Amino acid sequence: MTAARRIQHCRLCGAAARYQTPADDNRERAVCTACGEIHYENPLNVVGTVPYWGQQVLLCKRNIEPRYGFWTLPAGFMELGETVAQGALRETVEEAGAEVEMGELFALLNVPRVGQVHLFYTARMLSTTLNPGPETIEARLFSQDEIPWDQLAFRTVRQTLEHFFSDRSLGRFGLHVGDVA
């Protein structure tokens, strides 16, 4: 469990933290050696959308690391004080400047290797006017045969797009849950 040992000091008092299994727990946690505060490390939620306009989907070319210059769906980390859908909408506006009508939760992908859960909603675009933010080099619409599959930033994006185009061909969208190794 050495890879997960990221907390070295207590967020409350600043004293050293030591990894140990607290009483009534079943795994090691960072525990403050002075005040006894237990610090939990939990997965981060990455929230986003699959914005579509007719037969096309909107992708953003990343202007940030990781995966600078690669294409992705508009998505990012969920913030405190917002719902998953609110975060997905915020990320879509921030990264693509797209006006969308939020649809249903479409994909939930666990990425345990990096401690993340990716959640994507369908989002019907209300116009093709885009105003990408600073995290995006370019935002544009792609038909299925134009998707730069070898230039996608993340496996979760690839899987979500594959599910999207498969569902669209069936005429209905379902919820897709899976794990990304």
N, C-alpha and C. Protein backbone atom coordinates (compact mmCIF):
# COMPACT_ATOMS: atom_id res chain seq x y z
N MET A 1 0.82 -1.20 0.00
CA MET A 1 0.00 0.00 0.00
C MET A 1 0.86 1.26 0.00
N THR A 2 2.10 1.15 -0.31
CA THR A 2 2.98 2.31 -0.27
C THR A 2 2.61 3.37 -1.30
N ALA A 3 2.04 2.99 -2.45
CA ALA A 3 1.68 3.97 -3.46
C ALA A 3 0.59 4.91 -2.97
N ALA A 4 -0.28 4.45 -2.09
CA ALA A 4 -1.38 5.27 -1.61
C ALA A 4 -0.99 6.16 -0.43
N ARG A 5 0.23 6.05 0.07
CA ARG A 5 0.65 6.81 1.25
C ARG A 5 1.07 8.22 0.86
N ARG A 6 0.09 9.05 0.60
CA ARG A 6 0.37 10.40 0.15
C ARG A 6 0.27 11.42 1.29
N ILE A 7 -0.44 11.11 2.34
CA ILE A 7 -0.63 12.06 3.43
C ILE A 7 0.50 11.88 4.44
N GLN A 8 1.27 12.94 4.62
CA GLN A 8 2.39 12.86 5.55
C GLN A 8 2.18 13.70 6.81
N HIS A 9 1.27 14.68 6.73
CA HIS A 9 1.01 15.56 7.86
C HIS A 9 -0.49 15.76 8.05
N CYS A 10 -0.87 15.96 9.29
CA CYS A 10 -2.27 16.15 9.65
C CYS A 10 -2.77 17.49 9.10
N ARG A 11 -3.94 17.47 8.49
CA ARG A 11 -4.54 18.70 7.97
C ARG A 11 -5.07 19.58 9.09
N LEU A 12 -5.29 19.01 10.27
CA LEU A 12 -5.81 19.80 11.39
C LEU A 12 -4.73 20.47 12.21
N CYS A 13 -3.70 19.69 12.60
CA CYS A 13 -2.70 20.25 13.52
C CYS A 13 -1.29 20.30 12.94
N GLY A 14 -1.06 19.67 11.79
CA GLY A 14 0.24 19.73 11.14
C GLY A 14 1.26 18.70 11.61
N ALA A 15 0.90 17.92 12.60
CA ALA A 15 1.83 16.89 13.09
C ALA A 15 1.99 15.79 12.05
N ALA A 16 2.97 14.94 12.25
CA ALA A 16 3.22 13.83 11.34
C ALA A 16 2.05 12.85 11.36
N ALA A 17 1.76 12.29 10.19
CA ALA A 17 0.74 11.24 10.09
C ALA A 17 1.46 9.91 9.87
N ARG A 18 0.88 8.85 10.40
CA ARG A 18 1.45 7.51 10.25
C ARG A 18 0.34 6.61 9.73
N TYR A 19 0.68 5.75 8.79
CA TYR A 19 -0.32 4.82 8.26
C TYR A 19 -0.45 3.63 9.20
N GLN A 20 -1.69 3.40 9.62
CA GLN A 20 -2.01 2.28 10.51
C GLN A 20 -3.49 1.97 10.35
N THR A 21 -3.90 0.81 10.83
CA THR A 21 -5.31 0.44 10.77
C THR A 21 -5.98 0.89 12.07
N PRO A 22 -6.88 1.89 11.97
CA PRO A 22 -7.56 2.35 13.17
C PRO A 22 -8.46 1.25 13.75
N ALA A 23 -8.77 1.38 15.03
CA ALA A 23 -9.71 0.44 15.66
C ALA A 23 -11.03 0.50 14.90
N ASP A 24 -11.69 -0.62 14.76
CA ASP A 24 -12.98 -0.72 14.05
C ASP A 24 -12.87 -0.37 12.57
N ASP A 25 -11.71 -0.55 11.98
CA ASP A 25 -11.53 -0.33 10.55
C ASP A 25 -10.89 -1.58 9.96
N ASN A 26 -10.83 -1.66 8.63
CA ASN A 26 -10.27 -2.86 8.01
C ASN A 26 -9.12 -2.56 7.05
N ARG A 27 -8.64 -1.31 7.04
CA ARG A 27 -7.51 -0.98 6.16
C ARG A 27 -6.71 0.16 6.76
N GLU A 28 -5.49 0.28 6.26
CA GLU A 28 -4.62 1.35 6.75
C GLU A 28 -5.13 2.71 6.32
N ARG A 29 -5.02 3.67 7.24
CA ARG A 29 -5.37 5.06 6.99
C ARG A 29 -4.24 5.94 7.53
N ALA A 30 -4.17 7.17 7.05
CA ALA A 30 -3.23 8.13 7.62
C ALA A 30 -3.84 8.64 8.93
N VAL A 31 -3.13 8.40 10.02
CA VAL A 31 -3.61 8.80 11.35
C VAL A 31 -2.60 9.77 11.95
N CYS A 32 -3.10 10.89 12.46
CA CYS A 32 -2.22 11.88 13.07
C CYS A 32 -1.60 11.31 14.34
N THR A 33 -0.29 11.48 14.47
CA THR A 33 0.42 10.96 15.64
C THR A 33 0.19 11.84 16.86
N ALA A 34 -0.35 13.06 16.68
CA ALA A 34 -0.58 13.96 17.82
C ALA A 34 -2.04 14.00 18.25
N CYS A 35 -2.93 14.33 17.30
CA CYS A 35 -4.34 14.52 17.68
C CYS A 35 -5.21 13.31 17.38
N GLY A 36 -4.69 12.33 16.63
CA GLY A 36 -5.45 11.11 16.34
C GLY A 36 -6.43 11.22 15.19
N GLU A 37 -6.47 12.37 14.51
CA GLU A 37 -7.38 12.53 13.37
C GLU A 37 -7.08 11.47 12.31
N ILE A 38 -8.15 10.87 11.79
CA ILE A 38 -8.01 9.88 10.73
C ILE A 38 -8.29 10.58 9.40
N HIS A 39 -7.37 10.44 8.46
CA HIS A 39 -7.51 11.08 7.15
C HIS A 39 -7.83 10.00 6.12
N TYR A 40 -9.00 10.12 5.51
CA TYR A 40 -9.44 9.15 4.51
C TYR A 40 -9.05 9.63 3.12
N GLU A 41 -8.63 8.71 2.29
CA GLU A 41 -8.31 9.00 0.90
C GLU A 41 -9.32 8.25 0.05
N ASN A 42 -10.14 9.02 -0.68
CA ASN A 42 -11.22 8.45 -1.45
C ASN A 42 -11.09 8.80 -2.92
N PRO A 43 -11.73 8.01 -3.79
CA PRO A 43 -11.65 8.30 -5.22
C PRO A 43 -12.21 9.68 -5.56
N LEU A 44 -11.68 10.25 -6.64
CA LEU A 44 -12.18 11.52 -7.16
C LEU A 44 -13.19 11.25 -8.26
N ASN A 45 -14.21 12.08 -8.33
CA ASN A 45 -15.20 11.97 -9.39
C ASN A 45 -14.83 12.89 -10.55
N VAL A 46 -14.73 12.31 -11.74
CA VAL A 46 -14.55 13.07 -12.96
C VAL A 46 -15.92 13.07 -13.64
N VAL A 47 -16.45 14.27 -13.91
CA VAL A 47 -17.80 14.39 -14.45
C VAL A 47 -17.76 15.12 -15.78
N GLY A 48 -18.61 14.69 -16.70
CA GLY A 48 -18.63 15.33 -18.01
C GLY A 48 -19.85 14.93 -18.81
N THR A 49 -19.81 15.31 -20.08
CA THR A 49 -20.93 15.05 -20.97
C THR A 49 -20.46 14.47 -22.30
N VAL A 50 -21.42 13.90 -23.00
CA VAL A 50 -21.26 13.53 -24.41
C VAL A 50 -22.20 14.48 -25.16
N PRO A 51 -21.71 15.68 -25.49
CA PRO A 51 -22.57 16.64 -26.20
C PRO A 51 -22.73 16.20 -27.66
N TYR A 52 -23.96 16.24 -28.14
CA TYR A 52 -24.19 15.83 -29.52
C TYR A 52 -25.10 16.83 -30.23
N TRP A 53 -24.87 16.92 -31.54
CA TRP A 53 -25.66 17.77 -32.43
C TRP A 53 -25.98 16.90 -33.63
N GLY A 54 -27.21 16.44 -33.73
CA GLY A 54 -27.57 15.52 -34.81
C GLY A 54 -26.74 14.25 -34.71
N GLN A 55 -25.97 13.97 -35.76
CA GLN A 55 -25.14 12.76 -35.81
C GLN A 55 -23.71 13.00 -35.35
N GLN A 56 -23.43 14.18 -34.82
CA GLN A 56 -22.07 14.53 -34.43
C GLN A 56 -21.93 14.66 -32.91
N VAL A 57 -20.70 14.42 -32.43
CA VAL A 57 -20.39 14.64 -31.02
C VAL A 57 -19.32 15.72 -30.91
N LEU A 58 -19.32 16.40 -29.79
CA LEU A 58 -18.38 17.47 -29.53
C LEU A 58 -17.19 16.94 -28.75
N LEU A 59 -16.00 17.22 -29.25
CA LEU A 59 -14.77 16.87 -28.55
C LEU A 59 -13.94 18.14 -28.35
N CYS A 60 -13.11 18.11 -27.31
CA CYS A 60 -12.23 19.23 -26.98
C CYS A 60 -10.78 18.76 -27.04
N LYS A 61 -9.94 19.56 -27.67
CA LYS A 61 -8.50 19.26 -27.71
C LYS A 61 -7.86 19.91 -26.48
N ARG A 62 -7.22 19.08 -25.67
CA ARG A 62 -6.71 19.52 -24.37
C ARG A 62 -5.55 20.51 -24.47
N ASN A 63 -5.66 21.59 -23.69
CA ASN A 63 -4.61 22.60 -23.59
C ASN A 63 -3.89 22.48 -22.24
N ILE A 64 -4.07 21.34 -21.56
CA ILE A 64 -3.45 21.10 -20.26
C ILE A 64 -2.96 19.66 -20.20
N GLU A 65 -2.04 19.42 -19.27
CA GLU A 65 -1.62 18.05 -18.98
C GLU A 65 -2.58 17.48 -17.94
N PRO A 66 -2.75 16.21 -17.86
CA PRO A 66 -2.11 15.21 -18.72
C PRO A 66 -2.76 15.15 -20.10
N ARG A 67 -2.01 14.65 -21.04
CA ARG A 67 -2.48 14.38 -22.41
C ARG A 67 -2.75 15.67 -23.19
N TYR A 68 -1.87 16.65 -23.02
CA TYR A 68 -1.93 17.89 -23.79
C TYR A 68 -2.01 17.56 -25.28
N GLY A 69 -2.91 18.25 -25.99
CA GLY A 69 -3.02 18.09 -27.43
C GLY A 69 -3.86 16.91 -27.88
N PHE A 70 -4.36 16.11 -26.95
CA PHE A 70 -5.23 14.99 -27.30
C PHE A 70 -6.69 15.41 -27.13
N TRP A 71 -7.57 14.67 -27.78
CA TRP A 71 -9.00 14.98 -27.78
C TRP A 71 -9.72 14.26 -26.63
N THR A 72 -10.71 14.93 -26.10
CA THR A 72 -11.48 14.38 -24.99
C THR A 72 -12.91 14.91 -25.03
N LEU A 73 -13.76 14.26 -24.29
CA LEU A 73 -15.08 14.81 -24.02
C LEU A 73 -14.92 15.90 -22.96
N PRO A 74 -15.79 16.92 -22.96
CA PRO A 74 -15.67 17.93 -21.92
C PRO A 74 -15.97 17.31 -20.55
N ALA A 75 -14.97 17.34 -19.67
CA ALA A 75 -15.09 16.71 -18.35
C ALA A 75 -14.00 17.22 -17.44
N GLY A 76 -14.21 17.05 -16.15
CA GLY A 76 -13.20 17.44 -15.18
C GLY A 76 -13.65 17.02 -13.79
N PHE A 77 -12.90 17.44 -12.81
CA PHE A 77 -13.18 17.02 -11.44
C PHE A 77 -14.41 17.74 -10.88
N MET A 78 -15.26 16.96 -10.24
CA MET A 78 -16.44 17.48 -9.56
C MET A 78 -15.98 18.35 -8.40
N GLU A 79 -16.66 19.46 -8.17
CA GLU A 79 -16.34 20.38 -7.08
C GLU A 79 -17.28 20.14 -5.90
N LEU A 80 -16.81 20.52 -4.73
CA LEU A 80 -17.68 20.47 -3.55
C LEU A 80 -18.86 21.42 -3.76
N GLY A 81 -20.01 21.04 -3.26
CA GLY A 81 -21.19 21.90 -3.34
C GLY A 81 -21.97 21.78 -4.63
N GLU A 82 -21.62 20.83 -5.49
CA GLU A 82 -22.39 20.65 -6.72
C GLU A 82 -22.76 19.19 -6.88
N THR A 83 -23.85 18.96 -7.61
CA THR A 83 -24.25 17.60 -7.93
C THR A 83 -23.40 17.11 -9.10
N VAL A 84 -23.49 15.82 -9.37
CA VAL A 84 -22.76 15.26 -10.51
C VAL A 84 -23.20 15.95 -11.81
N ALA A 85 -24.51 16.12 -11.99
CA ALA A 85 -25.02 16.77 -13.21
C ALA A 85 -24.59 18.23 -13.29
N GLN A 86 -24.62 18.94 -12.17
CA GLN A 86 -24.18 20.33 -12.18
C GLN A 86 -22.70 20.43 -12.55
N GLY A 87 -21.89 19.52 -12.03
CA GLY A 87 -20.47 19.52 -12.37
C GLY A 87 -20.24 19.22 -13.83
N ALA A 88 -20.98 18.24 -14.37
CA ALA A 88 -20.85 17.88 -15.78
C ALA A 88 -21.22 19.07 -16.68
N LEU A 89 -22.29 19.76 -16.33
CA LEU A 89 -22.70 20.93 -17.10
C LEU A 89 -21.65 22.04 -16.99
N ARG A 90 -21.16 22.30 -15.79
CA ARG A 90 -20.14 23.33 -15.60
C ARG A 90 -18.91 23.04 -16.45
N GLU A 91 -18.44 21.79 -16.43
CA GLU A 91 -17.26 21.42 -17.21
C GLU A 91 -17.51 21.60 -18.71
N THR A 92 -18.71 21.30 -19.16
CA THR A 92 -19.05 21.45 -20.57
C THR A 92 -19.00 22.92 -20.99
N VAL A 93 -19.51 23.78 -20.12
CA VAL A 93 -19.48 25.22 -20.40
C VAL A 93 -18.05 25.75 -20.32
N GLU A 94 -17.31 25.35 -19.28
CA GLU A 94 -15.93 25.83 -19.11
C GLU A 94 -15.01 25.39 -20.24
N GLU A 95 -15.10 24.14 -20.64
CA GLU A 95 -14.14 23.61 -21.61
C GLU A 95 -14.54 23.86 -23.06
N ALA A 96 -15.83 23.82 -23.35
CA ALA A 96 -16.27 23.96 -24.75
C ALA A 96 -17.07 25.23 -25.02
N GLY A 97 -17.60 25.83 -23.97
CA GLY A 97 -18.47 26.98 -24.18
C GLY A 97 -19.73 26.58 -24.91
N ALA A 98 -20.18 25.35 -24.69
CA ALA A 98 -21.36 24.82 -25.39
C ALA A 98 -22.61 25.02 -24.56
N GLU A 99 -23.70 25.33 -25.22
CA GLU A 99 -25.01 25.41 -24.58
C GLU A 99 -25.71 24.08 -24.83
N VAL A 100 -26.03 23.36 -23.75
CA VAL A 100 -26.60 22.03 -23.89
C VAL A 100 -27.81 21.86 -22.98
N GLU A 101 -28.61 20.88 -23.35
CA GLU A 101 -29.70 20.40 -22.49
C GLU A 101 -29.24 19.05 -21.96
N MET A 102 -29.10 18.97 -20.65
CA MET A 102 -28.59 17.75 -20.03
C MET A 102 -29.57 16.59 -20.21
N GLY A 103 -29.00 15.43 -20.54
CA GLY A 103 -29.78 14.21 -20.65
C GLY A 103 -29.56 13.35 -19.42
N GLU A 104 -29.64 12.07 -19.62
CA GLU A 104 -29.51 11.11 -18.52
C GLU A 104 -28.05 10.71 -18.31
N LEU A 105 -27.79 10.18 -17.12
CA LEU A 105 -26.49 9.58 -16.86
C LEU A 105 -26.29 8.45 -17.86
N PHE A 106 -25.15 8.44 -18.52
CA PHE A 106 -24.92 7.53 -19.63
C PHE A 106 -23.82 6.50 -19.34
N ALA A 107 -22.75 6.94 -18.70
CA ALA A 107 -21.63 6.03 -18.45
C ALA A 107 -21.05 6.29 -17.06
N LEU A 108 -20.79 5.22 -16.35
CA LEU A 108 -20.11 5.27 -15.06
C LEU A 108 -18.96 4.28 -15.15
N LEU A 109 -17.74 4.82 -15.17
CA LEU A 109 -16.56 3.98 -15.37
C LEU A 109 -15.61 4.13 -14.19
N ASN A 110 -15.33 3.02 -13.53
CA ASN A 110 -14.40 2.99 -12.40
C ASN A 110 -12.98 2.88 -12.94
N VAL A 111 -12.10 3.72 -12.42
CA VAL A 111 -10.69 3.67 -12.80
C VAL A 111 -9.88 3.54 -11.49
N PRO A 112 -9.89 2.34 -10.89
CA PRO A 112 -9.26 2.18 -9.58
C PRO A 112 -7.76 2.44 -9.57
N ARG A 113 -7.08 2.21 -10.68
CA ARG A 113 -5.63 2.41 -10.75
C ARG A 113 -5.23 3.84 -10.40
N VAL A 114 -6.07 4.82 -10.75
CA VAL A 114 -5.77 6.22 -10.45
C VAL A 114 -6.74 6.81 -9.42
N GLY A 115 -7.59 5.97 -8.83
CA GLY A 115 -8.50 6.43 -7.79
C GLY A 115 -9.55 7.40 -8.30
N GLN A 116 -10.17 7.06 -9.43
CA GLN A 116 -11.18 7.94 -10.02
C GLN A 116 -12.42 7.15 -10.43
N VAL A 117 -13.54 7.86 -10.48
CA VAL A 117 -14.78 7.36 -11.07
C VAL A 117 -15.20 8.40 -12.10
N HIS A 118 -15.39 7.98 -13.36
CA HIS A 118 -15.78 8.89 -14.44
C HIS A 118 -17.26 8.71 -14.72
N LEU A 119 -17.99 9.83 -14.72
CA LEU A 119 -19.44 9.82 -14.95
C LEU A 119 -19.76 10.77 -16.09
N PHE A 120 -20.41 10.25 -17.14
CA PHE A 120 -20.77 11.05 -18.30
C PHE A 120 -22.27 11.04 -18.53
N TYR A 121 -22.81 12.20 -18.87
CA TYR A 121 -24.21 12.36 -19.22
C TYR A 121 -24.32 12.61 -20.72
N THR A 122 -25.43 12.22 -21.31
CA THR A 122 -25.71 12.69 -22.66
C THR A 122 -26.13 14.15 -22.53
N ALA A 123 -25.87 14.93 -23.56
CA ALA A 123 -26.21 16.35 -23.54
C ALA A 123 -26.51 16.80 -24.97
N ARG A 124 -27.75 17.13 -25.21
CA ARG A 124 -28.15 17.61 -26.55
C ARG A 124 -27.74 19.07 -26.69
N MET A 125 -26.95 19.35 -27.71
CA MET A 125 -26.51 20.72 -27.95
C MET A 125 -27.68 21.56 -28.46
N LEU A 126 -27.79 22.78 -27.96
CA LEU A 126 -28.87 23.68 -28.37
C LEU A 126 -28.44 24.60 -29.50
N SER A 127 -27.15 24.67 -29.75
CA SER A 127 -26.62 25.42 -30.89
C SER A 127 -25.22 24.91 -31.17
N THR A 128 -24.66 25.30 -32.31
CA THR A 128 -23.30 24.89 -32.65
C THR A 128 -22.29 25.98 -32.30
N THR A 129 -22.73 27.04 -31.66
CA THR A 129 -21.83 28.10 -31.24
C THR A 129 -21.00 27.59 -30.06
N LEU A 130 -19.68 27.69 -30.19
CA LEU A 130 -18.77 27.22 -29.15
C LEU A 130 -17.85 28.36 -28.74
N ASN A 131 -17.50 28.38 -27.47
CA ASN A 131 -16.58 29.38 -26.94
C ASN A 131 -15.65 28.69 -25.95
N PRO A 132 -14.65 27.93 -26.45
CA PRO A 132 -13.78 27.14 -25.58
C PRO A 132 -13.03 28.00 -24.56
N GLY A 133 -12.86 27.44 -23.37
CA GLY A 133 -12.13 28.11 -22.31
C GLY A 133 -10.63 27.84 -22.42
N PRO A 134 -9.86 28.32 -21.45
CA PRO A 134 -8.40 28.23 -21.52
C PRO A 134 -7.84 26.81 -21.45
N GLU A 135 -8.61 25.84 -20.98
CA GLU A 135 -8.12 24.46 -20.92
C GLU A 135 -8.25 23.73 -22.26
N THR A 136 -8.83 24.41 -23.25
CA THR A 136 -9.12 23.79 -24.54
C THR A 136 -8.45 24.54 -25.68
N ILE A 137 -7.69 23.82 -26.50
CA ILE A 137 -7.07 24.41 -27.69
C ILE A 137 -8.13 24.64 -28.76
N GLU A 138 -8.98 23.64 -28.93
CA GLU A 138 -10.00 23.67 -29.98
C GLU A 138 -11.15 22.77 -29.56
N ALA A 139 -12.37 23.20 -29.87
CA ALA A 139 -13.56 22.37 -29.66
C ALA A 139 -14.27 22.28 -31.00
N ARG A 140 -14.65 21.04 -31.35
CA ARG A 140 -15.34 20.89 -32.63
C ARG A 140 -16.19 19.64 -32.65
N LEU A 141 -17.10 19.62 -33.60
CA LEU A 141 -18.00 18.49 -33.79
C LEU A 141 -17.38 17.47 -34.74
N PHE A 142 -17.60 16.19 -34.44
CA PHE A 142 -17.11 15.09 -35.25
C PHE A 142 -18.24 14.11 -35.52
N SER A 143 -18.32 13.63 -36.76
CA SER A 143 -19.19 12.48 -37.03
C SER A 143 -18.41 11.23 -36.59
N GLN A 144 -19.09 10.11 -36.50
CA GLN A 144 -18.45 8.90 -36.00
C GLN A 144 -17.20 8.53 -36.81
N ASP A 145 -17.26 8.66 -38.12
CA ASP A 145 -16.12 8.27 -38.94
C ASP A 145 -14.99 9.30 -38.93
N GLU A 146 -15.22 10.47 -38.33
CA GLU A 146 -14.18 11.49 -38.23
C GLU A 146 -13.46 11.50 -36.87
N ILE A 147 -13.97 10.74 -35.90
CA ILE A 147 -13.38 10.74 -34.57
C ILE A 147 -11.89 10.37 -34.67
N PRO A 148 -11.01 11.16 -34.07
CA PRO A 148 -9.58 10.82 -34.08
C PRO A 148 -9.28 9.76 -33.01
N TRP A 149 -9.69 8.54 -33.27
CA TRP A 149 -9.62 7.46 -32.28
C TRP A 149 -8.22 7.27 -31.71
N ASP A 150 -7.19 7.45 -32.54
CA ASP A 150 -5.82 7.26 -32.07
C ASP A 150 -5.28 8.48 -31.33
N GLN A 151 -6.08 9.54 -31.25
CA GLN A 151 -5.66 10.75 -30.56
C GLN A 151 -6.58 11.09 -29.39
N LEU A 152 -7.33 10.09 -28.89
CA LEU A 152 -8.19 10.32 -27.73
C LEU A 152 -7.33 10.29 -26.47
N ALA A 153 -7.64 11.18 -25.54
CA ALA A 153 -6.81 11.36 -24.36
C ALA A 153 -6.91 10.21 -23.36
N PHE A 154 -8.09 9.62 -23.20
CA PHE A 154 -8.29 8.65 -22.12
C PHE A 154 -9.13 7.47 -22.58
N ARG A 155 -8.87 6.31 -21.98
CA ARG A 155 -9.65 5.11 -22.30
C ARG A 155 -11.12 5.27 -21.94
N THR A 156 -11.40 6.03 -20.89
CA THR A 156 -12.80 6.26 -20.50
C THR A 156 -13.55 7.02 -21.60
N VAL A 157 -12.87 7.92 -22.26
CA VAL A 157 -13.48 8.67 -23.37
C VAL A 157 -13.76 7.73 -24.53
N ARG A 158 -12.79 6.89 -24.86
CA ARG A 158 -12.97 5.92 -25.94
C ARG A 158 -14.17 5.01 -25.65
N GLN A 159 -14.21 4.43 -24.45
CA GLN A 159 -15.30 3.52 -24.11
C GLN A 159 -16.65 4.22 -24.15
N THR A 160 -16.70 5.45 -23.63
CA THR A 160 -17.95 6.20 -23.63
C THR A 160 -18.41 6.49 -25.05
N LEU A 161 -17.50 6.89 -25.92
CA LEU A 161 -17.87 7.15 -27.31
C LEU A 161 -18.31 5.87 -28.02
N GLU A 162 -17.63 4.77 -27.77
CA GLU A 162 -18.04 3.49 -28.38
C GLU A 162 -19.46 3.13 -27.95
N HIS A 163 -19.76 3.29 -26.66
CA HIS A 163 -21.13 3.02 -26.18
C HIS A 163 -22.13 3.99 -26.81
N PHE A 164 -21.74 5.25 -26.93
CA PHE A 164 -22.64 6.25 -27.48
C PHE A 164 -23.03 5.90 -28.92
N PHE A 165 -22.04 5.62 -29.76
CA PHE A 165 -22.35 5.33 -31.16
C PHE A 165 -23.11 4.01 -31.30
N SER A 166 -22.80 3.04 -30.48
CA SER A 166 -23.53 1.77 -30.49
C SER A 166 -24.99 1.99 -30.10
N ASP A 167 -25.21 2.72 -29.01
CA ASP A 167 -26.58 2.99 -28.56
C ASP A 167 -27.34 3.82 -29.59
N ARG A 168 -26.67 4.81 -30.16
CA ARG A 168 -27.34 5.66 -31.14
C ARG A 168 -27.81 4.83 -32.33
N SER A 169 -27.02 3.84 -32.73
CA SER A 169 -27.43 2.99 -33.86
C SER A 169 -28.65 2.15 -33.51
N LEU A 170 -28.84 1.89 -32.21
CA LEU A 170 -30.01 1.14 -31.74
C LEU A 170 -31.22 2.05 -31.52
N GLY A 171 -30.99 3.36 -31.52
CA GLY A 171 -32.08 4.30 -31.34
C GLY A 171 -32.44 4.58 -29.90
N ARG A 172 -31.60 4.17 -28.97
CA ARG A 172 -31.89 4.44 -27.55
C ARG A 172 -30.57 4.42 -26.76
N PHE A 173 -30.56 5.22 -25.71
CA PHE A 173 -29.38 5.29 -24.85
C PHE A 173 -29.67 4.59 -23.54
N GLY A 174 -28.73 3.75 -23.11
CA GLY A 174 -28.83 3.08 -21.83
C GLY A 174 -27.74 3.56 -20.90
N LEU A 175 -27.69 3.00 -19.71
CA LEU A 175 -26.64 3.31 -18.76
C LEU A 175 -25.56 2.24 -18.87
N HIS A 176 -24.31 2.68 -19.00
CA HIS A 176 -23.19 1.76 -19.15
C HIS A 176 -22.28 1.88 -17.93
N VAL A 177 -22.06 0.76 -17.26
CA VAL A 177 -21.22 0.72 -16.05
C VAL A 177 -20.09 -0.24 -16.31
N GLY A 178 -18.88 0.16 -15.98
CA GLY A 178 -17.75 -0.74 -16.20
C GLY A 178 -16.52 -0.30 -15.47
N ASP A 179 -15.47 -1.09 -15.64
CA ASP A 179 -14.18 -0.83 -15.02
C ASP A 179 -13.13 -0.68 -16.10
N VAL A 180 -12.21 0.24 -15.87
CA VAL A 180 -11.10 0.45 -16.80
C VAL A 180 -9.84 0.03 -16.07
N ALA A 181 -9.19 -1.01 -16.59
CA ALA A 181 -7.99 -1.54 -15.94
C ALA A 181 -6.80 -0.64 -16.22
